[in-house]
Amino acid sequence: KATKRYAAAVAQLRKEGGECEALDEFEAESLKSDRDESKLAVLWMDVKLQNLQKKRPEDYKPGDAAHAYARGVAFLATECGAYVEAEK
């Protein structure tokens, strides 16, 4: 069941133009019989972060922490970091 769910998520993201290095890593891990669910969660957050970075708006200036884009990136990075720390 999980393998089909992961495959569907990967296919959907590719269909939406979400191709990135982290997606390839996520797919490879998801196909393993002894997959690491914690690693998959971190990789999925990385997929989201990389895709958000690809969609950086033109009006965003690096260092503008109040911009919605910067807040989104910071949120994902913080969530990913917190998850990694919790798993240690």
N, C-alpha and C. Protein backbone atom coordinates (compact mmCIF):
# COMPACT_ATOMS: atom_id res chain seq x y z
N LYS A 1 0.82 -1.20 0.00
CA LYS A 1 0.00 0.00 0.00
C LYS A 1 0.86 1.26 0.00
N ALA A 2 1.84 1.32 0.88
CA ALA A 2 2.66 2.52 1.00
C ALA A 2 3.43 2.78 -0.28
N THR A 3 3.94 1.72 -0.90
CA THR A 3 4.71 1.88 -2.14
C THR A 3 3.85 2.52 -3.22
N LYS A 4 2.59 2.08 -3.33
CA LYS A 4 1.68 2.67 -4.31
C LYS A 4 1.40 4.13 -3.98
N ARG A 5 1.23 4.43 -2.72
CA ARG A 5 0.96 5.81 -2.29
C ARG A 5 2.15 6.71 -2.60
N TYR A 6 3.35 6.22 -2.32
CA TYR A 6 4.55 7.00 -2.62
C TYR A 6 4.70 7.20 -4.13
N ALA A 7 4.47 6.13 -4.89
CA ALA A 7 4.59 6.22 -6.35
C ALA A 7 3.59 7.23 -6.91
N ALA A 8 2.39 7.25 -6.36
CA ALA A 8 1.37 8.20 -6.81
C ALA A 8 1.78 9.64 -6.50
N ALA A 9 2.36 9.84 -5.33
CA ALA A 9 2.81 11.18 -4.95
C ALA A 9 3.93 11.65 -5.87
N VAL A 10 4.87 10.77 -6.18
CA VAL A 10 5.98 11.11 -7.08
C VAL A 10 5.44 11.43 -8.47
N ALA A 11 4.55 10.59 -8.97
CA ALA A 11 3.98 10.80 -10.31
C ALA A 11 3.23 12.13 -10.38
N GLN A 12 2.46 12.43 -9.35
CA GLN A 12 1.70 13.68 -9.32
C GLN A 12 2.64 14.88 -9.33
N LEU A 13 3.68 14.83 -8.53
CA LEU A 13 4.61 15.95 -8.46
C LEU A 13 5.35 16.14 -9.79
N ARG A 14 5.72 15.04 -10.41
CA ARG A 14 6.38 15.14 -11.73
C ARG A 14 5.43 15.74 -12.75
N LYS A 15 4.17 15.33 -12.69
CA LYS A 15 3.16 15.85 -13.61
C LYS A 15 3.00 17.36 -13.44
N GLU A 16 3.17 17.84 -12.21
CA GLU A 16 3.03 19.27 -11.91
C GLU A 16 4.32 20.05 -12.11
N GLY A 17 5.37 19.37 -12.62
CA GLY A 17 6.64 20.05 -12.86
C GLY A 17 7.53 20.14 -11.64
N GLY A 18 7.36 19.24 -10.70
CA GLY A 18 8.11 19.26 -9.45
C GLY A 18 9.38 18.45 -9.45
N GLU A 19 9.94 18.22 -10.62
CA GLU A 19 11.17 17.44 -10.76
C GLU A 19 12.33 18.13 -10.02
N CYS A 20 13.02 17.40 -9.17
CA CYS A 20 14.18 17.94 -8.47
C CYS A 20 15.01 16.77 -7.93
N GLU A 21 16.23 17.08 -7.49
CA GLU A 21 17.13 16.04 -6.99
C GLU A 21 16.53 15.30 -5.80
N ALA A 22 15.90 16.04 -4.90
CA ALA A 22 15.31 15.41 -3.71
C ALA A 22 14.18 14.45 -4.08
N LEU A 23 13.46 14.74 -5.14
CA LEU A 23 12.37 13.85 -5.56
C LEU A 23 12.95 12.51 -6.03
N ASP A 24 14.07 12.58 -6.75
CA ASP A 24 14.73 11.34 -7.18
C ASP A 24 15.18 10.52 -5.97
N GLU A 25 15.74 11.19 -4.97
CA GLU A 25 16.18 10.51 -3.75
C GLU A 25 14.99 9.91 -3.01
N PHE A 26 13.89 10.68 -2.93
CA PHE A 26 12.67 10.20 -2.27
C PHE A 26 12.16 8.94 -2.96
N GLU A 27 12.10 8.99 -4.29
CA GLU A 27 11.59 7.84 -5.04
C GLU A 27 12.47 6.61 -4.82
N ALA A 28 13.78 6.79 -4.87
CA ALA A 28 14.69 5.66 -4.68
C ALA A 28 14.51 5.04 -3.29
N GLU A 29 14.40 5.88 -2.26
CA GLU A 29 14.21 5.37 -0.90
C GLU A 29 12.85 4.68 -0.76
N SER A 30 11.82 5.25 -1.40
CA SER A 30 10.47 4.70 -1.26
C SER A 30 10.33 3.32 -1.90
N LEU A 31 11.20 3.01 -2.85
CA LEU A 31 11.12 1.72 -3.53
C LEU A 31 11.86 0.61 -2.81
N LYS A 32 12.65 0.96 -1.80
CA LYS A 32 13.39 -0.05 -1.04
C LYS A 32 12.43 -0.86 -0.17
N SER A 33 12.71 -2.15 -0.05
CA SER A 33 11.87 -2.99 0.80
C SER A 33 12.08 -2.65 2.28
N ASP A 34 13.27 -2.15 2.61
CA ASP A 34 13.57 -1.77 4.00
C ASP A 34 13.65 -0.25 4.15
N ARG A 35 12.73 0.44 3.46
CA ARG A 35 12.78 1.91 3.44
C ARG A 35 12.71 2.50 4.84
N ASP A 36 13.35 3.63 4.98
CA ASP A 36 13.40 4.36 6.25
C ASP A 36 12.35 5.46 6.20
N GLU A 37 11.27 5.27 6.95
CA GLU A 37 10.15 6.23 6.92
C GLU A 37 10.57 7.61 7.41
N SER A 38 11.48 7.66 8.36
CA SER A 38 11.96 8.96 8.85
C SER A 38 12.73 9.69 7.76
N LYS A 39 13.57 8.96 7.05
CA LYS A 39 14.32 9.56 5.94
C LYS A 39 13.36 10.02 4.85
N LEU A 40 12.32 9.25 4.59
CA LEU A 40 11.33 9.64 3.59
C LEU A 40 10.65 10.96 3.97
N ALA A 41 10.34 11.12 5.25
CA ALA A 41 9.69 12.36 5.70
C ALA A 41 10.60 13.56 5.47
N VAL A 42 11.88 13.41 5.78
CA VAL A 42 12.84 14.50 5.58
C VAL A 42 13.02 14.78 4.09
N LEU A 43 13.13 13.73 3.29
CA LEU A 43 13.28 13.91 1.85
C LEU A 43 12.06 14.60 1.25
N TRP A 44 10.87 14.26 1.73
CA TRP A 44 9.65 14.88 1.20
C TRP A 44 9.63 16.38 1.54
N MET A 45 10.08 16.73 2.75
CA MET A 45 10.17 18.16 3.10
C MET A 45 11.20 18.85 2.21
N ASP A 46 12.28 18.15 1.89
CA ASP A 46 13.30 18.71 1.01
C ASP A 46 12.74 18.91 -0.40
N VAL A 47 11.92 17.98 -0.86
CA VAL A 47 11.26 18.12 -2.16
C VAL A 47 10.43 19.41 -2.16
N LYS A 48 9.64 19.59 -1.11
CA LYS A 48 8.80 20.79 -1.01
C LYS A 48 9.65 22.05 -0.99
N LEU A 49 10.74 22.03 -0.25
CA LEU A 49 11.62 23.20 -0.14
C LEU A 49 12.27 23.50 -1.50
N GLN A 50 12.78 22.48 -2.18
CA GLN A 50 13.41 22.71 -3.48
C GLN A 50 12.42 23.24 -4.50
N ASN A 51 11.19 22.75 -4.45
CA ASN A 51 10.18 23.24 -5.38
C ASN A 51 9.75 24.66 -5.05
N LEU A 52 9.71 24.99 -3.79
CA LEU A 52 9.39 26.36 -3.40
C LEU A 52 10.50 27.30 -3.88
N GLN A 53 11.75 26.87 -3.75
CA GLN A 53 12.87 27.70 -4.19
C GLN A 53 12.84 27.92 -5.70
N LYS A 54 12.36 26.94 -6.47
CA LYS A 54 12.25 27.10 -7.92
C LYS A 54 11.21 28.14 -8.30
N LYS A 55 10.23 28.36 -7.43
CA LYS A 55 9.13 29.28 -7.71
C LYS A 55 9.33 30.65 -7.07
N ARG A 56 10.58 30.98 -6.74
CA ARG A 56 10.85 32.24 -6.07
C ARG A 56 10.27 33.40 -6.89
N PRO A 57 9.44 34.23 -6.27
CA PRO A 57 8.83 35.34 -7.00
C PRO A 57 9.85 36.41 -7.40
N GLU A 58 9.54 37.11 -8.48
CA GLU A 58 10.46 38.14 -8.98
C GLU A 58 10.62 39.29 -8.00
N ASP A 59 9.59 39.58 -7.22
CA ASP A 59 9.67 40.72 -6.31
C ASP A 59 10.41 40.41 -5.00
N TYR A 60 10.86 39.16 -4.85
CA TYR A 60 11.59 38.80 -3.64
C TYR A 60 13.03 39.25 -3.74
N LYS A 61 13.51 39.91 -2.71
CA LYS A 61 14.91 40.32 -2.61
C LYS A 61 15.54 39.51 -1.48
N PRO A 62 16.66 38.85 -1.73
CA PRO A 62 17.32 38.08 -0.66
C PRO A 62 17.51 38.93 0.60
N GLY A 63 17.16 38.36 1.72
CA GLY A 63 17.28 39.08 2.99
C GLY A 63 15.97 39.71 3.45
N ASP A 64 14.94 39.70 2.59
CA ASP A 64 13.64 40.28 2.96
C ASP A 64 12.84 39.23 3.74
N ALA A 65 13.11 39.14 5.03
CA ALA A 65 12.50 38.10 5.88
C ALA A 65 11.00 38.25 6.03
N ALA A 66 10.45 39.43 5.73
CA ALA A 66 9.01 39.66 5.88
C ALA A 66 8.23 39.17 4.66
N HIS A 67 8.90 38.92 3.56
CA HIS A 67 8.23 38.48 2.34
C HIS A 67 7.62 37.09 2.57
N ALA A 68 6.46 36.86 2.02
CA ALA A 68 5.77 35.57 2.20
C ALA A 68 6.63 34.41 1.71
N TYR A 69 7.37 34.61 0.64
CA TYR A 69 8.26 33.56 0.13
C TYR A 69 9.30 33.19 1.18
N ALA A 70 9.94 34.19 1.77
CA ALA A 70 10.98 33.94 2.79
C ALA A 70 10.39 33.25 4.00
N ARG A 71 9.19 33.63 4.38
CA ARG A 71 8.54 32.98 5.53
C ARG A 71 8.23 31.52 5.22
N GLY A 72 7.82 31.23 3.99
CA GLY A 72 7.53 29.84 3.60
C GLY A 72 8.78 28.98 3.61
N VAL A 73 9.87 29.52 3.06
CA VAL A 73 11.13 28.79 3.05
C VAL A 73 11.62 28.57 4.48
N ALA A 74 11.53 29.60 5.31
CA ALA A 74 11.98 29.48 6.70
C ALA A 74 11.15 28.44 7.44
N PHE A 75 9.84 28.43 7.21
CA PHE A 75 8.96 27.47 7.86
C PHE A 75 9.35 26.04 7.49
N LEU A 76 9.51 25.79 6.19
CA LEU A 76 9.88 24.43 5.76
C LEU A 76 11.24 24.02 6.29
N ALA A 77 12.19 24.93 6.25
CA ALA A 77 13.53 24.62 6.75
C ALA A 77 13.50 24.33 8.24
N THR A 78 12.73 25.10 8.97
CA THR A 78 12.61 24.90 10.42
C THR A 78 11.93 23.57 10.73
N GLU A 79 10.85 23.28 10.02
CA GLU A 79 10.14 22.01 10.23
C GLU A 79 11.05 20.83 9.93
N CYS A 80 11.79 20.92 8.84
CA CYS A 80 12.69 19.84 8.46
C CYS A 80 13.79 19.67 9.51
N GLY A 81 14.37 20.78 9.94
CA GLY A 81 15.41 20.72 10.96
C GLY A 81 14.90 20.15 12.27
N ALA A 82 13.70 20.56 12.66
CA ALA A 82 13.11 20.07 13.92
C ALA A 82 12.85 18.57 13.82
N TYR A 83 12.40 18.11 12.68
CA TYR A 83 12.13 16.69 12.50
C TYR A 83 13.42 15.88 12.59
N VAL A 84 14.47 16.38 11.93
CA VAL A 84 15.75 15.70 11.97
C VAL A 84 16.27 15.61 13.40
N GLU A 85 16.18 16.70 14.16
CA GLU A 85 16.65 16.71 15.54
C GLU A 85 15.83 15.73 16.40
N ALA A 86 14.53 15.68 16.17
CA ALA A 86 13.67 14.80 16.96
C ALA A 86 14.00 13.33 16.71
N GLU A 87 14.48 13.03 15.52
CA GLU A 87 14.78 11.64 15.16
C GLU A 87 16.13 11.17 15.71
N LYS A 88 16.98 12.10 16.15
CA LYS A 88 18.31 11.72 16.66
C LYS A 88 18.23 11.04 18.00
